[in-house]
Amino acid sequence: MLNQRRVRKNLRQLRYNFVNAAINLNVEDAAREFIHHGEIKPGLLNRIEMVIRAYDPCIKRATRLDGKGLRVEIRDNKGSLLKIL
């Protein structure tokens, strides 16, 4: 019984890690498409919301309930904050 619980917990964590990795790759693709030479083309925030909703359809409503909405931080390759959307 204990081993079955541990296996289920590990599988949930594995699925969670897989989904997070997939979201990160899709957001990175969007950034490559919409950010060039420090300029952010219109539509980046919409694309990121689309990516997130593809994996979790309720996330948009959940982020709006806290009154803050979606916050996107644009960072350079060293991790320095360049802009907040």
Protein backbone atom coordinates (compact mmCIF):
# COMPACT_ATOMS: atom_id res chain seq x y z
CA MET A 1 0.00 0.00 0.00
CA LEU A 2 2.73 2.46 0.92
CA ASN A 3 4.64 1.73 -2.28
CA GLN A 4 1.51 2.35 -4.38
CA ARG A 5 1.08 5.78 -2.77
CA ARG A 6 4.71 6.62 -3.40
CA VAL A 7 4.44 5.53 -7.05
CA ARG A 8 1.28 7.63 -7.56
CA LYS A 9 2.95 10.64 -5.95
CA ASN A 10 6.03 10.21 -8.15
CA LEU A 11 3.86 9.89 -11.28
CA ARG A 12 1.98 13.10 -10.41
CA GLN A 13 5.30 14.89 -9.94
CA LEU A 14 6.58 13.53 -13.24
CA ARG A 15 3.44 14.75 -15.07
CA TYR A 16 3.75 18.15 -13.37
CA ASN A 17 7.41 18.45 -14.44
CA PHE A 18 6.55 17.40 -18.00
CA VAL A 19 3.78 20.01 -18.32
CA ASN A 20 6.01 22.74 -16.87
CA ALA A 21 8.77 21.85 -19.33
CA ALA A 22 6.32 21.94 -22.24
CA ILE A 23 4.96 25.34 -21.16
CA ASN A 24 8.49 26.70 -20.80
CA LEU A 25 9.44 25.55 -24.30
CA ASN A 26 6.31 27.09 -25.82
CA VAL A 27 6.83 30.40 -23.99
CA GLU A 28 10.45 30.43 -25.14
CA ASP A 29 9.28 29.92 -28.75
CA ALA A 30 6.86 32.84 -28.36
CA ALA A 31 9.64 35.03 -26.98
CA ARG A 32 11.86 34.20 -29.94
CA GLU A 33 9.05 35.12 -32.30
CA PHE A 34 8.02 38.38 -30.62
CA ILE A 35 11.25 39.81 -29.17
CA HIS A 36 13.96 41.05 -31.52
CA HIS A 37 16.87 43.37 -30.67
CA GLY A 38 15.23 44.41 -27.41
CA GLU A 39 11.95 45.36 -29.09
CA ILE A 40 8.80 43.50 -28.10
CA LYS A 41 6.24 43.11 -30.88
CA PRO A 42 2.56 43.46 -29.97
CA GLY A 43 0.86 40.15 -29.24
CA LEU A 44 3.44 38.52 -26.97
CA LEU A 45 1.21 38.59 -23.90
CA ASN A 46 -1.70 37.12 -25.88
CA ARG A 47 0.51 34.32 -27.19
CA ILE A 48 1.76 33.48 -23.70
CA GLU A 49 -1.82 33.38 -22.39
CA MET A 50 -2.75 31.04 -25.27
CA VAL A 51 0.12 28.71 -24.39
CA ILE A 52 -0.82 28.60 -20.72
CA ARG A 53 -4.52 28.05 -21.44
CA ALA A 54 -3.64 25.13 -23.71
CA TYR A 55 -2.30 23.30 -20.66
CA ASP A 56 -4.62 24.73 -17.99
CA PRO A 57 -7.86 26.27 -19.33
CA CYS A 58 -8.82 27.69 -15.90
CA ILE A 59 -5.57 29.54 -15.26
CA LYS A 60 -6.69 32.82 -16.84
CA ARG A 61 -9.75 33.06 -14.60
CA ALA A 62 -7.69 32.03 -11.58
CA THR A 63 -5.08 34.75 -12.18
CA ARG A 64 -7.77 37.39 -12.64
CA LEU A 65 -9.44 36.48 -9.35
CA ASP A 66 -6.46 37.80 -7.41
CA GLY A 67 -6.89 41.19 -9.09
CA LYS A 68 -3.39 41.19 -10.56
CA GLY A 69 -3.74 39.27 -13.81
CA LEU A 70 -0.87 37.68 -15.69
CA ARG A 71 2.56 39.21 -15.09
CA VAL A 72 5.35 38.50 -17.55
CA GLU A 73 8.95 39.38 -16.80
CA ILE A 74 11.31 39.85 -19.74
CA ARG A 75 14.90 39.01 -18.76
CA ASP A 76 18.17 38.91 -20.65
CA ASN A 77 20.35 35.80 -20.88
CA LYS A 78 22.06 36.75 -17.60
CA GLY A 79 18.75 36.95 -15.74
CA SER A 80 18.61 40.74 -15.44
CA LEU A 81 15.09 42.15 -15.53
CA LEU A 82 14.48 44.23 -18.66
CA LYS A 83 10.74 44.80 -18.63
CA ILE A 84 7.51 43.71 -16.93
CA LEU A 85 4.35 43.23 -18.99
